[in-house]
C-alpha atoms as a PDB file:
ATOM      1  CA  MET A   1    -113.320 121.405-222.471  1.00  0.00           C
ATOM      2  CA  ILE A   2    -113.503 119.447-225.755  1.00  0.00           C
ATOM      3  CA  ALA A   3    -112.067 115.906-225.562  1.00  0.00           C
ATOM      4  CA  GLU A   4    -108.956 115.295-227.679  1.00  0.00           C
ATOM      5  CA  THR A   5    -110.699 112.667-229.935  1.00  0.00           C
ATOM      6  CA  THR A   6    -113.719 115.000-230.393  1.00  0.00           C
ATOM      7  CA  LEU A   7    -111.379 117.774-231.485  1.00  0.00           C
ATOM      8  CA  GLY A   8    -109.706 115.550-233.913  1.00  0.00           C
ATOM      9  CA  ALA A   9    -113.039 114.322-235.351  1.00  0.00           C
ATOM     10  CA  LEU A  10    -114.202 117.892-235.782  1.00  0.00           C
ATOM     11  CA  ALA A  11    -110.991 118.814-237.430  1.00  0.00           C
ATOM     12  CA  SER A  12    -111.454 115.891-239.900  1.00  0.00           C
ATOM     13  CA  LEU A  13    -114.963 116.965-240.763  1.00  0.00           C
ATOM     14  CA  GLY A  14    -113.782 120.535-241.309  1.00  0.00           C
ATOM     15  CA  ALA A  15    -111.083 119.165-243.575  1.00  0.00           C
ATOM     16  CA  ALA A  16    -113.725 117.306-245.609  1.00  0.00           C
ATOM     17  CA  MET A  17    -115.829 120.407-246.057  1.00  0.00           C
ATOM     18  CA  ALA A  18    -112.844 122.636-247.010  1.00  0.00           C
ATOM     19  CA  TRP A  19    -111.574 119.892-249.501  1.00  0.00           C
ATOM     20  CA  ALA A  20    -114.963 119.927-251.256  1.00  0.00           C
ATOM     21  CA  VAL A  21    -114.640 123.667-251.759  1.00  0.00           C
ATOM     22  CA  THR A  22    -111.001 123.617-252.901  1.00  0.00           C
ATOM     23  CA  SER A  23    -111.872 120.919-255.416  1.00  0.00           C
ATOM     24  CA  LEU A  24    -114.624 123.295-256.829  1.00  0.00           C
ATOM     25  CA  LEU A  25    -112.326 126.274-256.907  1.00  0.00           C
ATOM     26  CA  ALA A  26    -109.411 124.259-258.511  1.00  0.00           C
ATOM     27  CA  ARG A  27    -111.690 122.904-261.337  1.00  0.00           C
ATOM     28  CA  SER A  28    -113.081 126.446-262.073  1.00  0.00           C
ATOM     29  CA  LEU A  29    -109.346 127.527-262.399  1.00  0.00           C
ATOM     30  CA  MET A  30    -108.188 124.633-264.759  1.00  0.00           C
ATOM     31  CA  PRO A  31    -108.978 126.367-268.087  1.00  0.00           C
ATOM     32  CA  GLU A  32    -106.731 129.417-267.239  1.00  0.00           C
ATOM     33  CA  LEU A  33    -104.006 127.895-265.226  1.00  0.00           C
ATOM     34  CA  GLY A  34    -103.776 124.121-265.542  1.00  0.00           C
ATOM     35  CA  SER A  35    -103.574 121.527-262.698  1.00  0.00           C
ATOM     36  CA  VAL A  36     -99.803 121.748-262.075  1.00  0.00           C
ATOM     37  CA  ALA A  37     -99.812 125.568-261.931  1.00  0.00           C
ATOM     38  CA  ILE A  38    -102.699 125.624-259.620  1.00  0.00           C
ATOM     39  CA  ASN A  39    -101.135 123.114-257.249  1.00  0.00           C
ATOM     40  CA  ALA A  40     -97.835 124.950-257.074  1.00  0.00           C
ATOM     41  CA  ILE A  41     -99.475 128.406-256.551  1.00  0.00           C
ATOM     42  CA  ARG A  42    -101.836 127.061-253.875  1.00  0.00           C
ATOM     43  CA  SER A  43     -98.999 125.205-252.118  1.00  0.00           C
ATOM     44  CA  THR A  44     -96.849 128.338-252.230  1.00  0.00           C
ATOM     45  CA  ILE A  45     -99.558 130.556-250.750  1.00  0.00           C
ATOM     46  CA  GLY A  46    -100.504 128.032-248.045  1.00  0.00           C
ATOM     47  CA  GLY A  47     -96.895 127.360-247.173  1.00  0.00           C
ATOM     48  CA  VAL A  48     -95.957 130.988-246.803  1.00  0.00           C
ATOM     49  CA  LEU A  49     -98.928 131.475-244.492  1.00  0.00           C
ATOM     50  CA  LEU A  50     -98.098 128.558-242.313  1.00  0.00           C
ATOM     51  CA  VAL A  51     -94.310 129.212-242.079  1.00  0.00           C
ATOM     52  CA  ALA A  52     -95.010 132.837-241.133  1.00  0.00           C
ATOM     53  CA  TRP A  53     -97.533 131.632-238.421  1.00  0.00           C
ATOM     54  CA  VAL A  54     -95.024 129.190-236.956  1.00  0.00           C
ATOM     55  CA  LEU A  55     -92.167 131.624-236.906  1.00  0.00           C
ATOM     56  CA  ALA A  56     -94.339 134.255-235.253  1.00  0.00           C
ATOM     57  CA  THR A  57     -95.721 131.988-232.620  1.00  0.00           C
ATOM     58  CA  ALA A  58     -93.010 129.437-232.003  1.00  0.00           C
ATOM     59  CA  GLY A  59     -89.916 130.708-233.504  1.00  0.00           C
ATOM     60  CA  VAL A  60     -87.213 128.989-235.721  1.00  0.00           C
ATOM     61  CA  GLY A  61     -86.734 126.313-233.087  1.00  0.00           C
ATOM     62  CA  ALA A  62     -89.898 124.593-234.043  1.00  0.00           C
ATOM     63  CA  PHE A  63     -88.136 123.645-237.234  1.00  0.00           C
ATOM     64  CA  THR A  64     -84.577 122.960-236.045  1.00  0.00           C
ATOM     65  CA  ALA A  65     -85.683 120.558-233.194  1.00  0.00           C
ATOM     66  CA  ILE A  66     -87.235 118.166-235.765  1.00  0.00           C
ATOM     67  CA  SER A  67     -85.244 114.933-236.441  1.00  0.00           C
ATOM     68  CA  ALA A  68     -83.828 114.022-239.843  1.00  0.00           C
ATOM     69  CA  GLY A  69     -86.009 111.011-239.992  1.00  0.00           C
ATOM     70  CA  ALA A  70     -89.213 113.104-239.477  1.00  0.00           C
ATOM     71  CA  TRP A  71     -88.000 115.558-242.034  1.00  0.00           C
ATOM     72  CA  ALA A  72     -87.554 112.726-244.567  1.00  0.00           C
ATOM     73  CA  LEU A  73     -90.958 111.242-243.993  1.00  0.00           C
ATOM     74  CA  LEU A  74     -92.731 114.627-244.169  1.00  0.00           C
ATOM     75  CA  THR A  75     -90.962 115.323-247.476  1.00  0.00           C
ATOM     76  CA  LEU A  76     -91.800 112.032-249.080  1.00  0.00           C
ATOM     77  CA  SER A  77     -95.375 112.259-247.720  1.00  0.00           C
ATOM     78  CA  ILE A  78     -96.085 115.627-249.351  1.00  0.00           C
ATOM     79  CA  VAL A  79     -94.463 114.927-252.613  1.00  0.00           C
ATOM     80  CA  ILE A  80     -96.726 111.919-252.954  1.00  0.00           C
ATOM     81  CA  ALA A  81     -99.922 113.614-251.692  1.00  0.00           C
ATOM     82  CA  ILE A  82     -99.808 116.992-253.366  1.00  0.00           C
ATOM     83  CA  ALA A  83     -97.250 116.756-256.361  1.00  0.00           C
ATOM     84  CA  ILE A  84     -98.766 113.503-257.354  1.00  0.00           C
ATOM     85  CA  GLY A  85    -102.086 112.745-255.689  1.00  0.00           C
ATOM     86  CA  ASP A  86    -103.694 116.213-255.983  1.00  0.00           C
ATOM     87  CA  THR A  87    -102.400 116.884-259.442  1.00  0.00           C
ATOM     88  CA  VAL A  88    -103.901 113.719-260.888  1.00  0.00           C
ATOM     89  CA  PHE A  89    -107.033 114.200-258.944  1.00  0.00           C
ATOM     90  CA  PHE A  90    -107.621 117.690-260.522  1.00  0.00           C
ATOM     91  CA  GLU A  91    -107.219 116.019-263.973  1.00  0.00           C
ATOM     92  CA  SER A  92    -109.774 113.411-263.059  1.00  0.00           C
ATOM     93  CA  THR A  93    -112.346 115.960-262.184  1.00  0.00           C
ATOM     94  CA  ARG A  94    -112.273 117.311-265.792  1.00  0.00           C
ATOM     95  CA  ALA A  95    -112.713 113.873-267.224  1.00  0.00           C
ATOM     96  CA  LEU A  96    -115.117 112.331-264.848  1.00  0.00           C
ATOM     97  CA  GLY A  97    -116.860 115.109-262.961  1.00  0.00           C
ATOM     98  CA  LEU A  98    -116.217 116.425-259.532  1.00  0.00           C
ATOM     99  CA  GLY A  99    -118.600 114.197-257.466  1.00  0.00           C
ATOM    100  CA  ARG A 100    -117.616 110.831-259.014  1.00  0.00           C
ATOM    101  CA  ALA A 101    -113.870 111.759-259.135  1.00  0.00           C
ATOM    102  CA  MET A 102    -113.933 112.783-255.520  1.00  0.00           C
ATOM    103  CA  THR A 103    -115.837 109.686-254.490  1.00  0.00           C
ATOM    104  CA  ILE A 104    -113.257 107.309-256.201  1.00  0.00           C
ATOM    105  CA  SER A 105    -110.270 109.132-254.966  1.00  0.00           C
ATOM    106  CA  THR A 106    -111.396 109.402-251.358  1.00  0.00           C
ATOM    107  CA  THR A 107    -111.516 105.696-251.043  1.00  0.00           C
ATOM    108  CA  TYR A 108    -107.941 106.037-249.902  1.00  0.00           C
ATOM    109  CA  PRO A 109    -108.642 104.388-246.583  1.00  0.00           C
ATOM    110  CA  LEU A 110    -108.886 101.065-248.532  1.00  0.00           C
ATOM    111  CA  GLY A 111    -105.580 101.547-250.003  1.00  0.00           C
ATOM    112  CA  ALA A 112    -104.046 102.491-246.635  1.00  0.00           C
ATOM    113  CA  ALA A 113    -105.527  99.287-245.098  1.00  0.00           C
ATOM    114  CA  ALA A 114    -104.033  97.137-247.866  1.00  0.00           C
ATOM    115  CA  ILE A 115    -100.576  98.918-247.525  1.00  0.00           C
ATOM    116  CA  ALA A 116    -100.621  98.529-243.750  1.00  0.00           C
ATOM    117  CA  ALA A 117    -101.425  94.824-244.185  1.00  0.00           C
ATOM    118  CA  VAL A 118     -98.559  94.246-246.607  1.00  0.00           C
ATOM    119  CA  PHE A 119     -95.822  96.495-245.084  1.00  0.00           C
ATOM    120  CA  LEU A 120     -96.825  96.651-241.354  1.00  0.00           C
ATOM    121  CA  GLY A 121     -98.312  93.229-240.792  1.00  0.00           C
ATOM    122  CA  GLU A 122    -101.631  94.557-239.797  1.00  0.00           C
ATOM    123  CA  PRO A 123    -104.325  91.784-240.012  1.00  0.00           C
ATOM    124  CA  ILE A 124    -107.120  91.915-242.535  1.00  0.00           C
ATOM    125  CA  THR A 125    -110.100  91.809-240.194  1.00  0.00           C
ATOM    126  CA  LEU A 126    -113.752  91.122-241.022  1.00  0.00           C
ATOM    127  CA  PRO A 127    -114.573  94.969-241.000  1.00  0.00           C
ATOM    128  CA  VAL A 128    -111.750  95.457-243.414  1.00  0.00           C
ATOM    129  CA  ALA A 129    -112.828  92.730-245.797  1.00  0.00           C
ATOM    130  CA  THR A 130    -116.569  93.745-245.646  1.00  0.00           C
ATOM    131  CA  GLY A 131    -115.663  97.409-246.134  1.00  0.00           C
ATOM    132  CA  ALA A 132    -113.603  96.575-249.054  1.00  0.00           C
ATOM    133  CA  LEU A 133    -116.472  94.678-250.718  1.00  0.00           C
ATOM    134  CA  VAL A 134    -119.085  97.449-249.994  1.00  0.00           C
ATOM    135  CA  THR A 135    -116.744 100.131-251.217  1.00  0.00           C
ATOM    136  CA  LEU A 136    -116.126  98.432-254.431  1.00  0.00           C
ATOM    137  CA  ALA A 137    -119.839  97.870-254.881  1.00  0.00           C
ATOM    138  CA  GLY A 138    -120.408 101.584-254.520  1.00  0.00           C
ATOM    139  CA  LEU A 139    -117.786 102.298-257.053  1.00  0.00           C
ATOM    140  CA  VAL A 140    -119.373  99.958-259.596  1.00  0.00           C
ATOM    141  CA  LEU A 141    -122.577 102.079-259.224  1.00  0.00           C
ATOM    142  CA  ILE A 142    -120.681 105.348-259.678  1.00  0.00           C
ATOM    143  CA  VAL A 143    -118.464 104.391-262.527  1.00  0.00           C
ATOM    144  CA  ALA A 144    -120.258 101.590-264.270  1.00  0.00           C
ATOM    145  CA  PRO A 145    -119.576 101.783-268.067  1.00  0.00           C
ATOM    146  CA  TRP A 146    -123.192 101.323-268.834  1.00  0.00           C
ATOM    147  CA  ALA A 147    -124.146 104.451-266.944  1.00  0.00           C
ATOM    148  CA  GLU A 148    -125.373 107.342-269.096  1.00  0.00           C
ATOM    149  CA  ARG A 149    -122.676 110.104-269.634  1.00  0.00           C
ATOM    150  CA  PRO A 150    -121.967 112.619-272.253  1.00  0.00           C
ATOM    151  CA  PRO A 151    -119.581 111.429-275.068  1.00  0.00           C
ATOM    152  CA  GLU A 152    -116.949 114.210-274.418  1.00  0.00           C
ATOM    153  CA  GLU A 153    -116.057 112.742-270.970  1.00  0.00           C
ATOM    154  CA  ARG A 154    -112.657 110.744-271.001  1.00  0.00           C
ATOM    155  CA  PHE A 155    -114.307 108.195-268.819  1.00  0.00           C
ATOM    156  CA  TRP A 156    -111.536 105.541-268.192  1.00  0.00           C
ATOM    157  CA  PHE A 157    -108.846 108.178-268.002  1.00  0.00           C
ATOM    158  CA  GLY A 158    -110.845 109.931-265.264  1.00  0.00           C
ATOM    159  CA  VAL A 159    -111.187 106.581-263.333  1.00  0.00           C
ATOM    160  CA  GLY A 160    -107.519 105.898-263.669  1.00  0.00           C
ATOM    161  CA  THR A 161    -106.347 109.258-262.382  1.00  0.00           C
ATOM    162  CA  ALA A 162    -108.870 109.251-259.569  1.00  0.00           C
ATOM    163  CA  ALA A 163    -107.631 105.886-258.496  1.00  0.00           C
ATOM    164  CA  LEU A 164    -104.070 106.944-258.669  1.00  0.00           C
ATOM    165  CA  ALA A 165    -104.905 109.971-256.429  1.00  0.00           C
ATOM    166  CA  SER A 166    -106.517 107.472-254.034  1.00  0.00           C
ATOM    167  CA  LEU A 167    -103.411 105.358-253.897  1.00  0.00           C
ATOM    168  CA  ALA A 168    -101.156 108.442-253.391  1.00  0.00           C
ATOM    169  CA  TRP A 169    -103.126 109.738-250.580  1.00  0.00           C
ATOM    170  CA  ALA A 170    -103.167 106.399-248.939  1.00  0.00           C
ATOM    171  CA  VAL A 171     -99.354 106.142-248.987  1.00  0.00           C
ATOM    172  CA  SER A 172     -99.006 109.693-247.815  1.00  0.00           C
ATOM    173  CA  THR A 173    -101.374 109.136-244.753  1.00  0.00           C
ATOM    174  CA  VAL A 174     -99.329 106.152-243.653  1.00  0.00           C
ATOM    175  CA  LEU A 175     -95.993 108.154-243.952  1.00  0.00           C
ATOM    176  CA  VAL A 176     -97.248 111.284-242.074  1.00  0.00           C
ATOM    177  CA  LYS A 177     -98.358 109.572-238.880  1.00  0.00           C
ATOM    178  CA  PRO A 178     -94.858 109.035-237.254  1.00  0.00           C
ATOM    179  CA  PRO A 179     -93.457 112.476-237.516  1.00  0.00           C
ATOM    180  CA  LEU A 180     -96.578 113.920-235.641  1.00  0.00           C
ATOM    181  CA  ALA A 181     -94.989 112.404-232.468  1.00  0.00           C
ATOM    182  CA  GLU A 182     -92.437 115.282-232.581  1.00  0.00           C
ATOM    183  CA  MET A 183     -94.683 118.174-233.618  1.00  0.00           C
ATOM    184  CA  ASP A 184     -98.095 119.794-233.969  1.00  0.00           C
ATOM    185  CA  ALA A 185    -100.212 119.811-237.167  1.00  0.00           C
ATOM    186  CA  VAL A 186     -99.351 123.327-238.163  1.00  0.00           C
ATOM    187  CA  THR A 187     -95.561 122.879-237.917  1.00  0.00           C
ATOM    188  CA  ALA A 188     -95.961 119.555-239.977  1.00  0.00           C
ATOM    189  CA  GLN A 189     -97.817 121.338-242.692  1.00  0.00           C
ATOM    190  CA  ALA A 190     -95.616 124.431-242.544  1.00  0.00           C
ATOM    191  CA  ILE A 191     -92.873 121.874-243.753  1.00  0.00           C
ATOM    192  CA  ARG A 192     -94.938 119.950-246.101  1.00  0.00           C
ATOM    193  CA  LEU A 193     -96.589 122.697-248.189  1.00  0.00           C
ATOM    194  CA  PRO A 194     -93.459 124.590-249.183  1.00  0.00           C
ATOM    195  CA  LEU A 195     -91.769 121.195-249.997  1.00  0.00           C
ATOM    196  CA  ALA A 196     -94.801 120.406-252.252  1.00  0.00           C
ATOM    197  CA  ALA A 197     -94.349 123.834-254.057  1.00  0.00           C
ATOM    198  CA  ALA A 198     -90.650 123.139-254.551  1.00  0.00           C
ATOM    199  CA  ALA A 199     -91.348 119.732-255.945  1.00  0.00           C
ATOM    200  CA  LEU A 200     -93.744 121.106-258.434  1.00  0.00           C
ATOM    201  CA  ALA A 201     -91.531 124.072-259.438  1.00  0.00           C
ATOM    202  CA  PRO A 202     -89.782 122.434-262.425  1.00  0.00           C
ATOM    203  CA  TRP A 203     -93.127 121.677-264.033  1.00  0.00           C
ATOM    204  CA  ALA A 204     -94.713 124.961-263.092  1.00  0.00           C
ATOM    205  CA  ARG A 205     -92.257 127.508-264.568  1.00  0.00           C
ATOM    206  CA  SER A 206     -95.058 129.089-266.578  1.00  0.00           C
ATOM    207  CA  ALA A 207     -97.254 129.618-263.624  1.00  0.00           C
ATOM    208  CA  PRO A 208     -96.223 133.116-262.813  1.00  0.00           C
ATOM    209  CA  GLY A 209     -96.768 134.219-266.387  1.00  0.00           C
ATOM    210  CA  ALA A 210    -100.061 132.442-266.482  1.00  0.00           C
ATOM    211  CA  LEU A 211    -101.202 134.045-263.153  1.00  0.00           C
ATOM    212  CA  ALA A 212    -100.283 137.467-264.442  1.00  0.00           C
ATOM    213  CA  LEU A 213    -102.380 136.967-267.553  1.00  0.00           C
ATOM    214  CA  ALA A 214    -105.308 135.471-265.611  1.00  0.00           C
ATOM    215  CA  SER A 215    -108.491 137.489-264.863  1.00  0.00           C
ATOM    216  CA  ARG A 216    -109.002 139.218-261.663  1.00  0.00           C
ATOM    217  CA  GLY A 217    -111.599 136.710-260.624  1.00  0.00           C
ATOM    218  CA  ALA A 218    -109.216 133.957-261.241  1.00  0.00           C
ATOM    219  CA  ARG A 219    -106.458 135.700-259.146  1.00  0.00           C
ATOM    220  CA  VAL A 220    -108.985 136.129-256.315  1.00  0.00           C
ATOM    221  CA  ARG A 221    -110.072 132.494-256.510  1.00  0.00           C
ATOM    222  CA  ILE A 222    -106.434 131.191-256.485  1.00  0.00           C
ATOM    223  CA  ALA A 223    -105.710 133.318-253.345  1.00  0.00           C
ATOM    224  CA  VAL A 224    -108.786 131.832-251.576  1.00  0.00           C
ATOM    225  CA  LEU A 225    -107.669 128.435-252.649  1.00  0.00           C
ATOM    226  CA  GLY A 226    -104.278 129.041-251.092  1.00  0.00           C
ATOM    227  CA  VAL A 227    -105.801 129.999-247.797  1.00  0.00           C
ATOM    228  CA  LEU A 228    -108.116 127.088-247.834  1.00  0.00           C
ATOM    229  CA  THR A 229    -105.291 124.694-248.678  1.00  0.00           C
ATOM    230  CA  SER A 230    -103.477 125.727-245.568  1.00  0.00           C
ATOM    231  CA  VAL A 231    -106.521 125.503-243.410  1.00  0.00           C
ATOM    232  CA  SER A 232    -107.718 122.163-244.788  1.00  0.00           C
ATOM    233  CA  SER A 233    -104.330 120.542-244.693  1.00  0.00           C
ATOM    234  CA  VAL A 234    -103.795 121.541-241.102  1.00  0.00           C
ATOM    235  CA  MET A 235    -107.285 120.319-240.121  1.00  0.00           C
ATOM    236  CA  PHE A 236    -106.707 116.974-241.596  1.00  0.00           C
ATOM    237  CA  VAL A 237    -103.213 116.453-239.966  1.00  0.00           C
ATOM    238  CA  ALA A 238    -104.791 117.595-236.670  1.00  0.00           C
ATOM    239  CA  GLY A 239    -107.467 114.883-237.218  1.00  0.00           C
ATOM    240  CA  VAL A 240    -104.784 112.197-237.630  1.00  0.00           C
ATOM    241  CA  LYS A 241    -102.858 113.402-234.640  1.00  0.00           C
ATOM    242  CA  HIS A 242    -105.780 113.800-232.078  1.00  0.00           C
ATOM    243  CA  ALA A 243    -108.264 111.253-233.301  1.00  0.00           C
ATOM    244  CA  GLY A 244    -106.141 108.714-235.015  1.00  0.00           C
ATOM    245  CA  VAL A 245    -105.809 107.470-238.668  1.00  0.00           C
ATOM    246  CA  ALA A 246    -108.996 105.479-238.670  1.00  0.00           C
ATOM    247  CA  VAL A 247    -111.318 108.247-237.468  1.00  0.00           C
ATOM    248  CA  ALA A 248    -109.596 111.028-239.540  1.00  0.00           C
ATOM    249  CA  SER A 249    -109.675 108.928-242.668  1.00  0.00           C
ATOM    250  CA  VAL A 250    -113.224 107.946-242.548  1.00  0.00           C
ATOM    251  CA  LEU A 251    -114.487 111.460-241.597  1.00  0.00           C
ATOM    252  CA  SER A 252    -112.418 113.373-244.134  1.00  0.00           C
ATOM    253  CA  SER A 253    -113.734 110.845-246.746  1.00  0.00           C
ATOM    254  CA  THR A 254    -117.167 112.360-246.231  1.00  0.00           C
ATOM    255  CA  ALA A 255    -116.027 115.084-248.630  1.00  0.00           C
ATOM    256  CA  PRO A 256    -118.210 113.651-251.512  1.00  0.00           C
ATOM    257  CA  MET A 257    -121.311 114.514-249.522  1.00  0.00           C
ATOM    258  CA  PHE A 258    -120.298 118.251-249.660  1.00  0.00           C
ATOM    259  CA  ALA A 259    -118.817 118.112-253.146  1.00  0.00           C
ATOM    260  CA  ILE A 260    -121.770 116.666-255.055  1.00  0.00           C
ATOM    261  CA  PRO A 261    -124.324 119.400-254.125  1.00  0.00           C
ATOM    262  CA  LEU A 262    -121.675 122.126-254.836  1.00  0.00           C
ATOM    263  CA  ALA A 263    -120.900 120.608-258.213  1.00  0.00           C
ATOM    264  CA  VAL A 264    -124.683 120.497-259.060  1.00  0.00           C
ATOM    265  CA  ILE A 265    -125.184 124.060-257.987  1.00  0.00           C
ATOM    266  CA  PHE A 266    -122.123 125.741-259.374  1.00  0.00           C
ATOM    267  CA  LEU A 267    -120.884 123.555-262.150  1.00  0.00           C
ATOM    268  CA  GLY A 268    -124.238 122.219-263.543  1.00  0.00           C
ATOM    269  CA  GLU A 269    -123.185 118.640-263.139  1.00  0.00           C
ATOM    270  CA  ARG A 270    -125.897 115.954-263.542  1.00  0.00           C
ATOM    271  CA  LEU A 271    -127.215 114.344-260.301  1.00  0.00           C
ATOM    272  CA  THR A 272    -128.735 110.755-260.970  1.00  0.00           C
ATOM    273  CA  SER A 273    -130.137 108.284-258.542  1.00  0.00           C
ATOM    274  CA  ARG A 274    -127.335 105.870-259.456  1.00  0.00           C
ATOM    275  CA  VAL A 275    -124.591 108.366-258.533  1.00  0.00           C
ATOM    276  CA  LEU A 276    -126.480 109.238-255.207  1.00  0.00           C
ATOM    277  CA  LEU A 277    -126.855 105.479-254.452  1.00  0.00           C
ATOM    278  CA  GLY A 278    -123.201 104.901-255.312  1.00  0.00           C
ATOM    279  CA  VAL A 279    -121.946 107.670-253.179  1.00  0.00           C
ATOM    280  CA  ALA A 280    -123.980 106.328-250.126  1.00  0.00           C
ATOM    281  CA  VAL A 281    -122.727 102.829-250.595  1.00  0.00           C
ATOM    282  CA  THR A 282    -119.158 103.927-251.028  1.00  0.00           C
ATOM    283  CA  VAL A 283    -119.100 106.015-247.907  1.00  0.00           C
ATOM    284  CA  ALA A 284    -120.831 103.192-246.061  1.00  0.00           C
ATOM    285  CA  GLY A 285    -118.075 100.931-247.180  1.00  0.00           C
ATOM    286  CA  ILE A 286    -115.406 103.308-246.006  1.00  0.00           C
ATOM    287  CA  ALA A 287    -117.183 103.560-242.631  1.00  0.00           C
ATOM    288  CA  ILE A 288    -117.294  99.800-242.238  1.00  0.00           C
ATOM    289  CA  LEU A 289    -113.631  99.582-243.198  1.00  0.00           C
ATOM    290  CA  GLN A 290    -112.634 101.748-240.316  1.00  0.00           C
ATOM    291  CA  LEU A 291    -114.611  99.917-237.590  1.00  0.00           C
END
């Protein structure tokens, strides 16, 4: 039988792989649908699938037994993570490139450590301080203004939106942990994804029309994206629940390792030695941060 921590670690790695693919799919859909519409549609599809699963396997009692405090934290966490974090992340991929945008945004364990230090009184240990310095060094290599890049890239806009996504995911990770004491990962995401779709609805009123006018290929991709969203989100939350925030955060942050080769193969993005070194150093810093 697989140990609980091993199960959590495998779930986190699975989330990293799935997130790399969802980022690729989302970027390919941006010209036809836009980031807000993509997020609203994928959250709706994923939410419907998860709610149906929970109702079929556990019944409505799985939702009614949850405390008001847990509902509040789950609501706030998903609004911050998807309605804010994912939306600005998808914008950053257009301006900065998928690999670099993902590497910057997935430094969220650094932000989570800082938030925990300020609001929860957790100490800044040597691994935290060292990990922060190494992570920042990797970011300098990846986003250095002297690095060669095509003039059409909105470089600093991409850096800013990717950093905002990182902050949003850090806050969301801190908020989602307490409610998991009352429920499993699937139930948590069956609540969070529909809430994300509802939060995005006022800004995505044109999404149904855009989807109707989209190509058949785009509709297939958005359907696959919705399924992967449900799967990846459950795997990440399962990692947090079973392996702990530290292990889940660092393993899910390996997504750039999967995203960069996908971006090179399918999007034709440039792969330079500076970017590869920067990714390696950044991920090493995240690993040190979580020791």
